[in-house]
Amino acid sequence: MAKHNIHGLILAGGLSTRMGVDKALLIIEGKPLLYRLVEQLTGLVQHVVVSVGSLQREALYRESLEELGEKVSFALDRYPECGPLSGLHAGLSMIAEGYVFVMACDMPQLSEALFSELLAYVDKGVDVIHTPNQPFHALYHTRIVSQIEEALEDRDFRLMGLLRRLQTLEVTPQEQRGASIFTNLNTPADYNKYRMEQGF
């Protein structure tokens, strides 16, 4: 896999309330989900930042990602308990100017094909390159940090609301797998269904 001159960001600061256990540490084919995602992303991007929320979560994830060493960094929320928007703000704030590929830690399908499709549009210069109705598995430009901060200060935590205020470009995936790219593991039923479908 070719590395591109962008960074990766995985949002992993959620409370996993509906799952009942930490979604980032769900075992997928023998490895924690977060480890699998970071490992795959490091083959595509220059560096991966994991937005972890708290110091306690950082310590937990640092241990599970230890063998990946300097390939991964951790970002702490500056606006605690404000949902994924705070994680996006924390991660983008510590990355140099440019585009960042953003995923949520409960998305087990990292599509290299879709990643490449999105990258083809970086010369358009928009704030966000994403697929219809999907805020993640998307490219965000670091220049939007100030606008995210404004939304957080206004207590407006809606990610899709943020996208509507930014200059965005929607890309319809060509990949045949379609919606499965955006599978989310939010509940034990989601996790069990995914395991059955994948045969592990």
C-alpha atoms as a PDB file:
ATOM      1  CA  MET A   1       0.000   0.000   0.000  1.00  0.00           C
ATOM      2  CA  ALA A   2       1.296   3.421  -0.941  1.00  0.00           C
ATOM      3  CA  LYS A   3       1.575   6.047   1.775  1.00  0.00           C
ATOM      4  CA  HIS A   4       0.073   9.435   1.066  1.00  0.00           C
ATOM      5  CA  ASN A   5       1.106  12.793   2.428  1.00  0.00           C
ATOM      6  CA  ILE A   6      -1.826  13.064   4.804  1.00  0.00           C
ATOM      7  CA  HIS A   7      -2.544  11.950   8.356  1.00  0.00           C
ATOM      8  CA  GLY A   8      -5.157   9.622   9.767  1.00  0.00           C
ATOM      9  CA  LEU A   9      -7.463  10.280  12.715  1.00  0.00           C
ATOM     10  CA  ILE A  10      -9.485   7.671  14.593  1.00  0.00           C
ATOM     11  CA  LEU A  11     -12.143   8.915  17.007  1.00  0.00           C
ATOM     12  CA  ALA A  12     -12.100   6.631  20.043  1.00  0.00           C
ATOM     13  CA  GLY A  13     -13.237   8.809  22.921  1.00  0.00           C
ATOM     14  CA  GLY A  14     -16.858   7.655  23.174  1.00  0.00           C
ATOM     15  CA  LEU A  15     -18.393   5.981  26.208  1.00  0.00           C
ATOM     16  CA  SER A  16     -19.642   2.849  24.350  1.00  0.00           C
ATOM     17  CA  THR A  17     -22.854   3.037  26.397  1.00  0.00           C
ATOM     18  CA  ARG A  18     -24.986   0.907  24.073  1.00  0.00           C
ATOM     19  CA  MET A  19     -22.258  -1.723  23.616  1.00  0.00           C
ATOM     20  CA  GLY A  20     -21.634  -2.101  27.351  1.00  0.00           C
ATOM     21  CA  VAL A  21     -17.900  -2.639  26.773  1.00  0.00           C
ATOM     22  CA  ASP A  22     -15.269  -0.489  25.063  1.00  0.00           C
ATOM     23  CA  LYS A  23     -15.985  -0.697  21.323  1.00  0.00           C
ATOM     24  CA  ALA A  24     -12.381   0.122  20.419  1.00  0.00           C
ATOM     25  CA  LEU A  25     -11.246  -3.057  22.159  1.00  0.00           C
ATOM     26  CA  LEU A  26     -13.750  -5.446  20.563  1.00  0.00           C
ATOM     27  CA  ILE A  27     -11.877  -8.463  19.214  1.00  0.00           C
ATOM     28  CA  ILE A  28     -11.987  -8.783  15.427  1.00  0.00           C
ATOM     29  CA  GLU A  29     -10.118 -11.797  14.048  1.00  0.00           C
ATOM     30  CA  GLY A  30      -7.965 -12.049  17.150  1.00  0.00           C
ATOM     31  CA  LYS A  31      -7.022  -8.368  17.488  1.00  0.00           C
ATOM     32  CA  PRO A  32      -8.644  -5.331  19.136  1.00  0.00           C
ATOM     33  CA  LEU A  33     -10.640  -3.344  16.586  1.00  0.00           C
ATOM     34  CA  LEU A  34      -8.648  -0.164  17.274  1.00  0.00           C
ATOM     35  CA  TYR A  35      -5.368  -2.013  16.686  1.00  0.00           C
ATOM     36  CA  ARG A  36      -6.628  -3.349  13.333  1.00  0.00           C
ATOM     37  CA  LEU A  37      -7.711   0.110  12.191  1.00  0.00           C
ATOM     38  CA  VAL A  38      -4.459   1.796  13.217  1.00  0.00           C
ATOM     39  CA  GLU A  39      -2.415  -0.980  11.614  1.00  0.00           C
ATOM     40  CA  GLN A  40      -4.306  -0.611   8.324  1.00  0.00           C
ATOM     41  CA  LEU A  41      -4.192   3.182   8.348  1.00  0.00           C
ATOM     42  CA  THR A  42      -0.452   3.313   8.976  1.00  0.00           C
ATOM     43  CA  GLY A  43      -0.019   1.644   5.595  1.00  0.00           C
ATOM     44  CA  LEU A  44      -1.920   4.466   3.904  1.00  0.00           C
ATOM     45  CA  VAL A  45      -0.976   7.682   5.723  1.00  0.00           C
ATOM     46  CA  GLN A  46       2.070   9.374   7.241  1.00  0.00           C
ATOM     47  CA  HIS A  47       0.918   9.109  10.842  1.00  0.00           C
ATOM     48  CA  VAL A  48      -2.167   8.142  12.826  1.00  0.00           C
ATOM     49  CA  VAL A  49      -3.675  10.148  15.691  1.00  0.00           C
ATOM     50  CA  VAL A  50      -6.150   8.464  18.013  1.00  0.00           C
ATOM     51  CA  SER A  51      -8.534  10.868  19.733  1.00  0.00           C
ATOM     52  CA  VAL A  52      -9.000   9.206  23.126  1.00  0.00           C
ATOM     53  CA  GLY A  53     -10.913  11.701  25.243  1.00  0.00           C
ATOM     54  CA  SER A  54      -9.191  11.191  28.590  1.00  0.00           C
ATOM     55  CA  LEU A  55      -5.815  10.305  30.075  1.00  0.00           C
ATOM     56  CA  GLN A  56      -7.271   7.057  31.422  1.00  0.00           C
ATOM     57  CA  ARG A  57      -8.391   6.033  27.944  1.00  0.00           C
ATOM     58  CA  GLU A  58      -4.993   6.999  26.532  1.00  0.00           C
ATOM     59  CA  ALA A  59      -3.228   4.691  28.997  1.00  0.00           C
ATOM     60  CA  LEU A  60      -5.549   1.826  28.065  1.00  0.00           C
ATOM     61  CA  TYR A  61      -5.141   2.275  24.318  1.00  0.00           C
ATOM     62  CA  ARG A  62      -1.420   2.993  24.492  1.00  0.00           C
ATOM     63  CA  GLU A  63      -0.955  -0.448  26.012  1.00  0.00           C
ATOM     64  CA  SER A  64      -2.963  -2.196  23.278  1.00  0.00           C
ATOM     65  CA  LEU A  65      -1.124  -0.276  20.527  1.00  0.00           C
ATOM     66  CA  GLU A  66       2.332  -0.513  22.079  1.00  0.00           C
ATOM     67  CA  GLU A  67       3.941  -2.506  19.272  1.00  0.00           C
ATOM     68  CA  LEU A  68       2.954   0.140  16.704  1.00  0.00           C
ATOM     69  CA  GLY A  69       5.201   2.598  18.590  1.00  0.00           C
ATOM     70  CA  GLU A  70       5.883   5.945  16.938  1.00  0.00           C
ATOM     71  CA  LYS A  71       3.342   5.328  14.185  1.00  0.00           C
ATOM     72  CA  VAL A  72       0.554   6.526  16.482  1.00  0.00           C
ATOM     73  CA  SER A  73      -0.093   9.555  18.727  1.00  0.00           C
ATOM     74  CA  PHE A  74      -2.944  10.354  21.115  1.00  0.00           C
ATOM     75  CA  ALA A  75      -5.119  13.458  21.389  1.00  0.00           C
ATOM     76  CA  LEU A  76      -7.000  14.497  24.534  1.00  0.00           C
ATOM     77  CA  ASP A  77     -10.316  16.341  24.458  1.00  0.00           C
ATOM     78  CA  ARG A  78     -10.213  20.056  25.195  1.00  0.00           C
ATOM     79  CA  TYR A  79     -14.009  19.980  25.386  1.00  0.00           C
ATOM     80  CA  PRO A  80     -14.751  16.861  27.472  1.00  0.00           C
ATOM     81  CA  GLU A  81     -17.996  14.934  27.098  1.00  0.00           C
ATOM     82  CA  CYS A  82     -19.121  16.783  23.974  1.00  0.00           C
ATOM     83  CA  GLY A  83     -19.336  13.773  21.676  1.00  0.00           C
ATOM     84  CA  PRO A  84     -17.452  13.052  18.447  1.00  0.00           C
ATOM     85  CA  LEU A  85     -17.149  16.754  17.625  1.00  0.00           C
ATOM     86  CA  SER A  86     -14.779  17.198  20.572  1.00  0.00           C
ATOM     87  CA  GLY A  87     -12.683  14.267  19.359  1.00  0.00           C
ATOM     88  CA  LEU A  88     -12.544  15.713  15.856  1.00  0.00           C
ATOM     89  CA  HIS A  89     -11.454  19.057  17.297  1.00  0.00           C
ATOM     90  CA  ALA A  90      -8.768  17.464  19.492  1.00  0.00           C
ATOM     91  CA  GLY A  91      -7.339  15.359  16.679  1.00  0.00           C
ATOM     92  CA  LEU A  92      -7.309  18.011  13.962  1.00  0.00           C
ATOM     93  CA  SER A  93      -5.794  20.531  16.401  1.00  0.00           C
ATOM     94  CA  MET A  94      -2.582  18.523  16.745  1.00  0.00           C
ATOM     95  CA  ILE A  95      -2.046  17.757  13.059  1.00  0.00           C
ATOM     96  CA  ALA A  96      -0.107  19.981  10.653  1.00  0.00           C
ATOM     97  CA  GLU A  97      -2.038  21.798   7.930  1.00  0.00           C
ATOM     98  CA  GLY A  98      -3.607  19.592   5.318  1.00  0.00           C
ATOM     99  CA  TYR A  99      -6.188  16.856   4.834  1.00  0.00           C
ATOM    100  CA  VAL A 100      -6.828  14.171   7.448  1.00  0.00           C
ATOM    101  CA  PHE A 101      -8.631  10.885   6.860  1.00  0.00           C
ATOM    102  CA  VAL A 102     -11.124  10.499   9.721  1.00  0.00           C
ATOM    103  CA  MET A 103     -12.743   7.278  10.951  1.00  0.00           C
ATOM    104  CA  ALA A 104     -14.709   6.262  14.023  1.00  0.00           C
ATOM    105  CA  CYS A 105     -13.279   3.419  16.104  1.00  0.00           C
ATOM    106  CA  ASP A 106     -16.475   1.372  15.744  1.00  0.00           C
ATOM    107  CA  MET A 107     -16.213   1.127  11.929  1.00  0.00           C
ATOM    108  CA  PRO A 108     -14.528  -2.234  11.223  1.00  0.00           C
ATOM    109  CA  GLN A 109     -14.378  -1.807   7.425  1.00  0.00           C
ATOM    110  CA  LEU A 110     -11.546   0.395   6.225  1.00  0.00           C
ATOM    111  CA  SER A 111     -11.938   0.635   2.449  1.00  0.00           C
ATOM    112  CA  GLU A 112      -8.683   1.394   0.664  1.00  0.00           C
ATOM    113  CA  ALA A 113     -10.667   1.782  -2.570  1.00  0.00           C
ATOM    114  CA  LEU A 114     -12.896   4.495  -1.109  1.00  0.00           C
ATOM    115  CA  PHE A 115      -9.889   6.150   0.525  1.00  0.00           C
ATOM    116  CA  SER A 116      -8.298   6.439  -2.938  1.00  0.00           C
ATOM    117  CA  GLU A 117     -11.532   7.756  -4.474  1.00  0.00           C
ATOM    118  CA  LEU A 118     -11.721  10.541  -1.890  1.00  0.00           C
ATOM    119  CA  LEU A 119      -8.052  11.445  -2.352  1.00  0.00           C
ATOM    120  CA  ALA A 120      -8.666  12.046  -6.036  1.00  0.00           C
ATOM    121  CA  TYR A 121     -10.574  15.223  -5.105  1.00  0.00           C
ATOM    122  CA  VAL A 122      -8.103  16.923  -2.743  1.00  0.00           C
ATOM    123  CA  ASP A 123      -7.148  19.441  -5.425  1.00  0.00           C
ATOM    124  CA  LYS A 124     -10.706  20.827  -5.253  1.00  0.00           C
ATOM    125  CA  GLY A 125      -9.686  22.602  -2.051  1.00  0.00           C
ATOM    126  CA  VAL A 126     -12.933  22.025  -0.138  1.00  0.00           C
ATOM    127  CA  ASP A 127     -13.164  21.703   3.658  1.00  0.00           C
ATOM    128  CA  VAL A 128     -14.487  18.146   3.725  1.00  0.00           C
ATOM    129  CA  ILE A 129     -14.619  15.334   1.153  1.00  0.00           C
ATOM    130  CA  HIS A 130     -17.150  12.708   2.183  1.00  0.00           C
ATOM    131  CA  THR A 131     -19.816  10.338   0.934  1.00  0.00           C
ATOM    132  CA  PRO A 132     -23.556  11.184   1.099  1.00  0.00           C
ATOM    133  CA  ASN A 133     -24.917  11.316   4.680  1.00  0.00           C
ATOM    134  CA  GLN A 134     -21.669   9.980   6.149  1.00  0.00           C
ATOM    135  CA  PRO A 135     -19.464  12.168   8.374  1.00  0.00           C
ATOM    136  CA  PHE A 136     -16.725   9.534   8.721  1.00  0.00           C
ATOM    137  CA  HIS A 137     -14.534   7.532   6.346  1.00  0.00           C
ATOM    138  CA  ALA A 138     -13.961  11.081   5.056  1.00  0.00           C
ATOM    139  CA  LEU A 139     -11.246  13.673   4.481  1.00  0.00           C
ATOM    140  CA  TYR A 140     -11.294  16.806   6.664  1.00  0.00           C
ATOM    141  CA  HIS A 141      -8.979  19.788   6.255  1.00  0.00           C
ATOM    142  CA  THR A 142      -7.312  21.009   9.427  1.00  0.00           C
ATOM    143  CA  ARG A 143      -8.289  24.623   8.663  1.00  0.00           C
ATOM    144  CA  ILE A 144     -11.807  23.920   9.975  1.00  0.00           C
ATOM    145  CA  VAL A 145     -10.614  23.655  13.608  1.00  0.00           C
ATOM    146  CA  SER A 146     -11.760  27.195  14.405  1.00  0.00           C
ATOM    147  CA  GLN A 147     -15.253  26.475  13.066  1.00  0.00           C
ATOM    148  CA  ILE A 148     -15.457  23.276  15.133  1.00  0.00           C
ATOM    149  CA  GLU A 149     -14.390  25.284  18.171  1.00  0.00           C
ATOM    150  CA  GLU A 150     -17.167  27.807  17.522  1.00  0.00           C
ATOM    151  CA  ALA A 151     -19.722  24.991  17.344  1.00  0.00           C
ATOM    152  CA  LEU A 152     -18.425  23.506  20.610  1.00  0.00           C
ATOM    153  CA  GLU A 153     -18.561  26.884  22.333  1.00  0.00           C
ATOM    154  CA  ASP A 154     -22.162  27.262  21.095  1.00  0.00           C
ATOM    155  CA  ARG A 155     -22.977  23.749  22.433  1.00  0.00           C
ATOM    156  CA  ASP A 156     -23.958  22.628  18.933  1.00  0.00           C
ATOM    157  CA  PHE A 157     -22.562  19.115  18.763  1.00  0.00           C
ATOM    158  CA  ARG A 158     -24.168  17.918  15.514  1.00  0.00           C
ATOM    159  CA  LEU A 159     -21.599  16.597  13.068  1.00  0.00           C
ATOM    160  CA  MET A 160     -23.924  16.699  10.072  1.00  0.00           C
ATOM    161  CA  GLY A 161     -24.896  20.226  11.110  1.00  0.00           C
ATOM    162  CA  LEU A 162     -21.213  21.166  10.976  1.00  0.00           C
ATOM    163  CA  LEU A 163     -20.875  19.672   7.497  1.00  0.00           C
ATOM    164  CA  ARG A 164     -23.791  21.778   6.265  1.00  0.00           C
ATOM    165  CA  ARG A 165     -21.921  24.921   7.339  1.00  0.00           C
ATOM    166  CA  LEU A 166     -18.671  23.930   5.621  1.00  0.00           C
ATOM    167  CA  GLN A 167     -17.633  23.749   1.989  1.00  0.00           C
ATOM    168  CA  THR A 168     -17.969  20.065   1.231  1.00  0.00           C
ATOM    169  CA  LEU A 169     -17.803  17.709  -1.711  1.00  0.00           C
ATOM    170  CA  GLU A 170     -19.850  14.505  -1.772  1.00  0.00           C
ATOM    171  CA  VAL A 171     -18.419  11.444  -3.494  1.00  0.00           C
ATOM    172  CA  THR A 172     -20.613   8.425  -4.273  1.00  0.00           C
ATOM    173  CA  PRO A 173     -18.547   5.256  -3.703  1.00  0.00           C
ATOM    174  CA  GLN A 174     -17.921   3.116  -6.763  1.00  0.00           C
ATOM    175  CA  GLU A 175     -17.109   0.108  -4.602  1.00  0.00           C
ATOM    176  CA  GLN A 176     -19.731  -2.630  -4.943  1.00  0.00           C
ATOM    177  CA  ARG A 177     -19.819  -3.358  -1.215  1.00  0.00           C
ATOM    178  CA  GLY A 178     -21.754  -0.121  -0.780  1.00  0.00           C
ATOM    179  CA  ALA A 179     -23.244   0.412   2.660  1.00  0.00           C
ATOM    180  CA  SER A 180     -21.131  -2.297   4.334  1.00  0.00           C
ATOM    181  CA  ILE A 181     -18.189   0.113   4.238  1.00  0.00           C
ATOM    182  CA  PHE A 182     -20.053   2.188   6.812  1.00  0.00           C
ATOM    183  CA  THR A 183     -20.983  -0.629   9.189  1.00  0.00           C
ATOM    184  CA  ASN A 184     -21.024   0.582  12.791  1.00  0.00           C
ATOM    185  CA  LEU A 185     -20.688  -1.704  15.803  1.00  0.00           C
ATOM    186  CA  ASN A 186     -22.857   0.132  18.316  1.00  0.00           C
ATOM    187  CA  THR A 187     -24.526  -2.737  20.170  1.00  0.00           C
ATOM    188  CA  PRO A 188     -23.776  -6.377  21.070  1.00  0.00           C
ATOM    189  CA  ALA A 189     -26.266  -7.386  18.351  1.00  0.00           C
ATOM    190  CA  ASP A 190     -24.297  -5.376  15.767  1.00  0.00           C
ATOM    191  CA  TYR A 191     -21.070  -7.039  16.877  1.00  0.00           C
ATOM    192  CA  ASN A 192     -22.540 -10.560  16.795  1.00  0.00           C
ATOM    193  CA  LYS A 193     -24.116  -9.960  13.383  1.00  0.00           C
ATOM    194  CA  TYR A 194     -20.820  -8.674  11.984  1.00  0.00           C
ATOM    195  CA  ARG A 195     -18.917 -11.667  13.354  1.00  0.00           C
ATOM    196  CA  MET A 196     -21.406 -14.058  11.750  1.00  0.00           C
ATOM    197  CA  GLU A 197     -21.273 -12.268   8.403  1.00  0.00           C
ATOM    198  CA  GLN A 198     -17.472 -12.290   8.418  1.00  0.00           C
ATOM    199  CA  GLY A 199     -17.280 -15.911   9.580  1.00  0.00           C
ATOM    200  CA  PHE A 200     -15.177 -15.550  12.716  1.00  0.00           C
END
